[in-house]
Amino acid sequence: MPSSPADTIKYLSDYNINCTVIIVGVAESLGDLVRNHESLRRLLTCIPLQRMRDDEFSELIESRLDRASLEIEGPAKLKILRLSRGLPFYVHTIAKLGCLAAARSASRRIGVAQVNAAIEQVIDELRQTFCDGVTNMLAGSRGSIFPEVVLASALADADDDGYFSAKSVAAPLSRMLRRQMKPASFQRHLADLASDERGRLLVRRGQPGSHRFRFRDALTQPYVIMDSLCRGLIDEAEALRRPGIDITAHATAPEGDWTYGSARPANMV
């Protein structure tokens, strides 16, 4: 009998056995998923799973609430959709905890207050499991802009695969530091975040000068945004901003327009 999944697939193909094999895995490409078994690539069809859209999540939430005879306020639902960043885990978890919060208050209506309580509970649970390193990174140390670079990376506009450029990090980072930040001033920080020394928080690809980055664990991006929102490091308008909208022009707004609670003096690097 075949001794590995790859050998099993080859066996089924060689003997023309009529069946369908579904391989579930996470990788940058099909080649990475079946590394050292290049001959399998011609036997497989890759089905990429993109992040879900707001309308898909909205339908999901409404259909489940209807079964429980519950309803949700528009702002509360919008907050769940935007903060989840297209990831079903957060939509399911926050919506479920919001329902439980409403039930505890003997209400059939889920509002922003219940969603806020659900978000805080999600953050507490994740902080105690796999996000300790991320939380420590966000806490940072005096004189370091690593916390701001991590948060700006989470807020940066990204492509469908979650990759973002240093240029897209510059706008949110500039707003947080209250000064114009060029990619050259924090490229080293992004590179360090993709290194083993910093826990490989980010994945880097591309050639020098045109590197693109994404969070190694997709769940990290919404966690960073929600944790920062709960701690008052960013305001709700920034946290709920729809990804893809370019607001770089606001990076040089007057100091009175800044709403961040953790902006650092301009001499910190």
Protein backbone atom coordinates (compact mmCIF):
# COMPACT_ATOMS: atom_id res chain seq x y z
CA MET A 1 0.00 0.00 0.00
CA PRO A 2 1.16 3.60 -0.59
CA SER A 3 3.03 5.02 2.38
CA SER A 4 2.17 8.71 1.94
CA PRO A 5 -0.66 10.91 0.60
CA ALA A 6 1.47 11.77 -2.44
CA ASP A 7 2.08 8.09 -3.20
CA THR A 8 -1.63 7.41 -2.76
CA ILE A 9 -2.54 10.03 -5.36
CA LYS A 10 0.03 8.64 -7.79
CA TYR A 11 -1.30 5.13 -7.18
CA LEU A 12 -4.89 6.21 -7.92
CA SER A 13 -3.76 7.94 -11.10
CA ASP A 14 -1.53 5.10 -12.32
CA TYR A 15 -4.32 2.55 -11.91
CA ASN A 16 -6.99 4.90 -13.29
CA ILE A 17 -9.24 4.59 -10.26
CA ASN A 18 -12.33 6.77 -10.64
CA CYS A 19 -12.39 8.91 -7.51
CA THR A 20 -11.96 12.47 -6.32
CA VAL A 21 -9.28 13.37 -3.78
CA ILE A 22 -9.53 16.68 -1.95
CA ILE A 23 -6.32 17.98 -0.38
CA VAL A 24 -6.77 20.81 2.09
CA GLY A 25 -3.63 22.78 2.83
CA VAL A 26 -2.17 26.23 3.26
CA ALA A 27 0.73 27.28 1.05
CA GLU A 28 1.93 30.09 -1.18
CA SER A 29 1.36 27.96 -4.27
CA LEU A 30 0.44 24.47 -5.38
CA GLY A 31 4.15 23.78 -5.83
CA ASP A 32 4.80 24.54 -2.16
CA LEU A 33 1.92 22.33 -1.09
CA VAL A 34 3.23 19.26 -2.94
CA ARG A 35 6.93 20.03 -2.67
CA ASN A 36 9.23 17.19 -3.80
CA HIS A 37 6.31 15.68 -5.72
CA GLU A 38 6.25 17.83 -8.84
CA SER A 39 4.65 15.06 -10.88
CA LEU A 40 1.46 15.52 -8.85
CA ARG A 41 0.89 19.03 -10.15
CA ARG A 42 -0.54 17.76 -13.45
CA LEU A 43 -3.06 15.64 -11.53
CA LEU A 44 -4.38 18.41 -9.29
CA THR A 45 -6.60 21.43 -9.77
CA CYS A 46 -5.92 24.31 -7.41
CA ILE A 47 -8.99 26.02 -5.91
CA PRO A 48 -7.86 29.22 -4.15
CA LEU A 49 -10.07 30.47 -1.32
CA GLN A 50 -10.35 34.24 -1.23
CA ARG A 51 -11.53 36.20 1.77
CA MET A 52 -15.29 36.52 1.96
CA ARG A 53 -17.10 39.69 0.91
CA ASP A 54 -19.18 41.90 3.18
CA ASP A 55 -22.41 40.93 1.43
CA GLU A 56 -21.63 37.23 1.93
CA PHE A 57 -20.98 37.78 5.63
CA SER A 58 -24.10 39.92 5.97
CA GLU A 59 -26.24 37.16 4.50
CA LEU A 60 -24.56 34.62 6.78
CA ILE A 61 -25.23 36.67 9.93
CA GLU A 62 -28.84 37.47 9.02
CA SER A 63 -29.68 33.86 8.16
CA ARG A 64 -28.37 32.59 11.49
CA LEU A 65 -30.08 35.33 13.50
CA ASP A 66 -33.40 34.60 11.80
CA ARG A 67 -33.24 31.04 13.09
CA ALA A 68 -32.87 32.33 16.64
CA SER A 69 -35.47 35.11 16.23
CA LEU A 70 -32.77 37.72 16.85
CA GLU A 71 -31.90 40.90 14.99
CA ILE A 72 -28.82 43.09 14.77
CA GLU A 73 -28.47 46.83 14.42
CA GLY A 74 -26.83 48.13 11.24
CA PRO A 75 -23.81 49.78 12.94
CA ALA A 76 -23.19 46.64 14.99
CA LYS A 77 -23.22 44.43 11.91
CA LEU A 78 -20.98 46.84 10.01
CA LYS A 79 -18.46 46.76 12.85
CA ILE A 80 -18.32 42.95 12.73
CA LEU A 81 -17.90 42.91 8.96
CA ARG A 82 -15.16 45.53 8.77
CA LEU A 83 -13.10 44.30 11.73
CA SER A 84 -13.23 40.67 10.55
CA ARG A 85 -11.38 41.61 7.34
CA GLY A 86 -13.01 38.83 5.33
CA LEU A 87 -12.14 35.99 7.73
CA PRO A 88 -15.03 33.69 8.73
CA PHE A 89 -13.46 32.84 12.10
CA TYR A 90 -13.93 36.38 13.40
CA VAL A 91 -17.42 36.84 11.94
CA HIS A 92 -18.66 33.60 13.49
CA THR A 93 -16.96 34.20 16.84
CA ILE A 94 -17.87 37.87 17.32
CA ALA A 95 -21.46 37.36 16.15
CA LYS A 96 -21.90 34.35 18.43
CA LEU A 97 -20.52 36.16 21.47
CA GLY A 98 -22.64 39.19 20.60
CA CYS A 99 -25.73 36.96 20.64
CA LEU A 100 -24.75 35.58 24.04
CA ALA A 101 -24.20 39.11 25.37
CA ALA A 102 -27.68 40.09 24.17
CA ALA A 103 -29.18 36.99 25.78
CA ARG A 104 -27.55 37.83 29.11
CA SER A 105 -29.26 41.22 29.03
CA ALA A 106 -32.60 39.60 28.09
CA SER A 107 -32.60 41.32 24.69
CA ARG A 108 -33.33 39.97 21.23
CA ARG A 109 -31.48 42.85 19.60
CA ILE A 110 -27.70 42.95 19.17
CA GLY A 111 -26.26 46.45 19.32
CA VAL A 112 -22.82 48.03 19.28
CA ALA A 113 -22.47 47.54 23.05
CA GLN A 114 -22.88 43.77 22.69
CA VAL A 115 -20.45 43.67 19.76
CA ASN A 116 -17.89 45.68 21.75
CA ALA A 117 -18.16 43.21 24.62
CA ALA A 118 -17.75 40.33 22.17
CA ILE A 119 -14.64 41.89 20.63
CA GLU A 120 -13.02 42.35 24.04
CA GLN A 121 -13.72 38.71 24.87
CA VAL A 122 -12.24 37.53 21.56
CA ILE A 123 -9.10 39.59 22.15
CA ASP A 124 -8.70 38.23 25.69
CA GLU A 125 -9.04 34.64 24.49
CA LEU A 126 -6.62 35.06 21.60
CA ARG A 127 -4.11 36.90 23.75
CA GLN A 128 -3.91 33.88 26.03
CA THR A 129 -3.40 31.42 23.19
CA PHE A 130 -1.39 32.16 20.06
CA CYS A 131 -1.01 35.94 20.07
CA ASP A 132 1.28 36.53 23.06
CA GLY A 133 4.18 37.41 20.77
CA VAL A 134 2.02 39.81 18.79
CA THR A 135 0.76 41.47 21.97
CA ASN A 136 4.31 41.95 23.22
CA MET A 137 5.24 43.42 19.85
CA LEU A 138 2.38 45.90 20.08
CA ALA A 139 3.40 46.87 23.61
CA GLY A 140 6.85 47.67 22.24
CA SER A 141 9.60 49.46 24.10
CA ARG A 142 10.39 53.10 24.60
CA GLY A 143 12.01 54.64 21.53
CA SER A 144 10.88 51.91 19.12
CA ILE A 145 8.38 52.30 16.28
CA PHE A 146 7.91 48.55 15.81
CA PRO A 147 4.42 48.69 17.41
CA GLU A 148 3.36 51.39 14.96
CA VAL A 149 4.86 49.52 12.00
CA VAL A 150 2.94 46.37 12.97
CA LEU A 151 -0.31 48.29 13.31
CA ALA A 152 0.28 50.24 10.09
CA SER A 153 0.92 46.92 8.30
CA ALA A 154 -2.45 45.66 9.54
CA LEU A 155 -4.15 48.82 8.26
CA ALA A 156 -2.31 48.92 4.93
CA ASP A 157 -4.16 48.35 1.66
CA ALA A 158 -3.38 44.84 0.39
CA ASP A 159 -4.09 42.70 -2.66
CA ASP A 160 -6.43 39.70 -2.74
CA ASP A 161 -3.69 37.47 -1.31
CA GLY A 162 -3.07 39.78 1.64
CA TYR A 163 0.23 41.18 0.34
CA PHE A 164 1.02 44.86 0.84
CA SER A 165 3.91 47.10 -0.11
CA ALA A 166 5.99 49.38 2.08
CA LYS A 167 4.39 52.30 0.26
CA SER A 168 0.93 51.26 1.43
CA VAL A 169 2.23 51.10 5.02
CA ALA A 170 3.52 54.67 4.80
CA ALA A 171 0.11 56.39 4.96
CA PRO A 172 -1.21 54.87 8.22
CA LEU A 173 2.25 55.01 9.77
CA SER A 174 2.54 58.71 8.93
CA ARG A 175 -0.77 59.41 10.60
CA MET A 176 0.27 57.59 13.76
CA LEU A 177 3.67 59.28 14.03
CA ARG A 178 2.34 62.71 13.00
CA ARG A 179 5.01 63.11 10.36
CA GLN A 180 5.54 62.04 6.79
CA MET A 181 7.16 58.60 6.68
CA LYS A 182 8.86 57.34 3.54
CA PRO A 183 9.33 53.60 2.93
CA ALA A 184 13.10 53.89 3.29
CA SER A 185 12.67 54.98 6.92
CA PHE A 186 10.96 51.75 7.99
CA GLN A 187 12.00 49.13 5.40
CA ARG A 188 14.37 47.67 7.98
CA HIS A 189 11.51 47.25 10.43
CA LEU A 190 9.44 45.33 7.88
CA ALA A 191 12.42 43.12 7.04
CA ASP A 192 13.00 42.43 10.74
CA LEU A 193 9.35 41.49 11.20
CA ALA A 194 9.87 38.83 8.52
CA SER A 195 12.93 37.42 10.31
CA ASP A 196 13.23 34.61 12.84
CA GLU A 197 14.43 37.08 15.46
CA ARG A 198 11.04 38.80 15.39
CA GLY A 199 9.08 35.57 15.20
CA ARG A 200 8.44 35.82 11.45
CA LEU A 201 5.33 37.88 12.01
CA LEU A 202 5.41 38.75 8.31
CA VAL A 203 6.16 36.81 5.13
CA ARG A 204 8.24 38.58 2.49
CA ARG A 205 8.43 37.89 -1.23
CA GLY A 206 9.80 39.62 -4.31
CA GLN A 207 13.14 41.19 -5.16
CA PRO A 208 15.03 43.84 -3.16
CA GLY A 209 13.46 47.20 -3.84
CA SER A 210 10.08 45.68 -4.65
CA HIS A 211 9.41 43.45 -1.65
CA ARG A 212 5.83 42.76 -0.66
CA PHE A 213 4.72 41.50 2.73
CA ARG A 214 1.78 39.80 4.36
CA PHE A 215 1.02 38.48 7.83
CA ARG A 216 2.19 34.88 8.17
CA ASP A 217 -0.98 34.04 10.10
CA ALA A 218 -4.01 35.67 8.47
CA LEU A 219 -5.76 35.85 11.85
CA THR A 220 -3.09 38.25 13.10
CA GLN A 221 -4.18 41.24 11.01
CA PRO A 222 -7.71 41.62 12.48
CA TYR A 223 -6.33 40.81 15.93
CA VAL A 224 -3.83 43.67 15.73
CA ILE A 225 -6.53 46.12 14.64
CA MET A 226 -9.08 45.05 17.27
CA ASP A 227 -6.52 44.93 20.07
CA SER A 228 -5.30 48.42 19.17
CA LEU A 229 -8.88 49.70 19.01
CA CYS A 230 -9.71 48.25 22.44
CA ARG A 231 -6.60 49.88 23.92
CA GLY A 232 -7.37 53.25 22.34
CA LEU A 233 -4.37 53.29 20.03
CA ILE A 234 -6.56 54.04 17.00
CA ASP A 235 -10.03 55.47 16.63
CA GLU A 236 -13.02 53.59 15.30
CA ALA A 237 -13.09 55.46 11.99
CA GLU A 238 -9.59 54.22 11.17
CA ALA A 239 -10.26 50.68 12.37
CA LEU A 240 -13.45 50.41 10.28
CA ARG A 241 -12.04 52.01 7.15
CA ARG A 242 -12.83 49.91 4.11
CA PRO A 243 -9.57 48.39 2.77
CA GLY A 244 -8.52 49.65 -0.62
CA ILE A 245 -9.49 53.29 -0.17
CA ASP A 246 -6.46 55.52 -0.54
CA ILE A 247 -6.36 58.20 2.12
CA THR A 248 -2.66 58.97 1.78
CA ALA A 249 -3.51 62.64 1.32
CA HIS A 250 -4.41 62.85 5.00
CA ALA A 251 -0.94 61.76 6.10
CA THR A 252 0.17 65.37 6.53
CA ALA A 253 -2.96 66.66 8.29
CA PRO A 254 -2.49 69.37 10.94
CA GLU A 255 -1.68 68.14 14.41
CA GLY A 256 -5.13 69.09 15.67
CA ASP A 257 -6.70 66.54 13.34
CA TRP A 258 -4.90 63.55 14.82
CA THR A 259 -7.02 61.16 16.84
CA TYR A 260 -4.50 58.46 17.76
CA GLY A 261 -3.98 57.84 21.43
CA SER A 262 -0.41 56.56 21.19
CA ALA A 263 1.34 58.87 18.77
CA ARG A 264 5.04 59.16 19.53
CA PRO A 265 7.31 62.19 19.38
CA ALA A 266 8.92 62.82 16.01
CA ASN A 267 12.43 62.07 17.26
CA MET A 268 11.67 58.42 18.02
CA VAL A 269 12.92 55.95 15.40
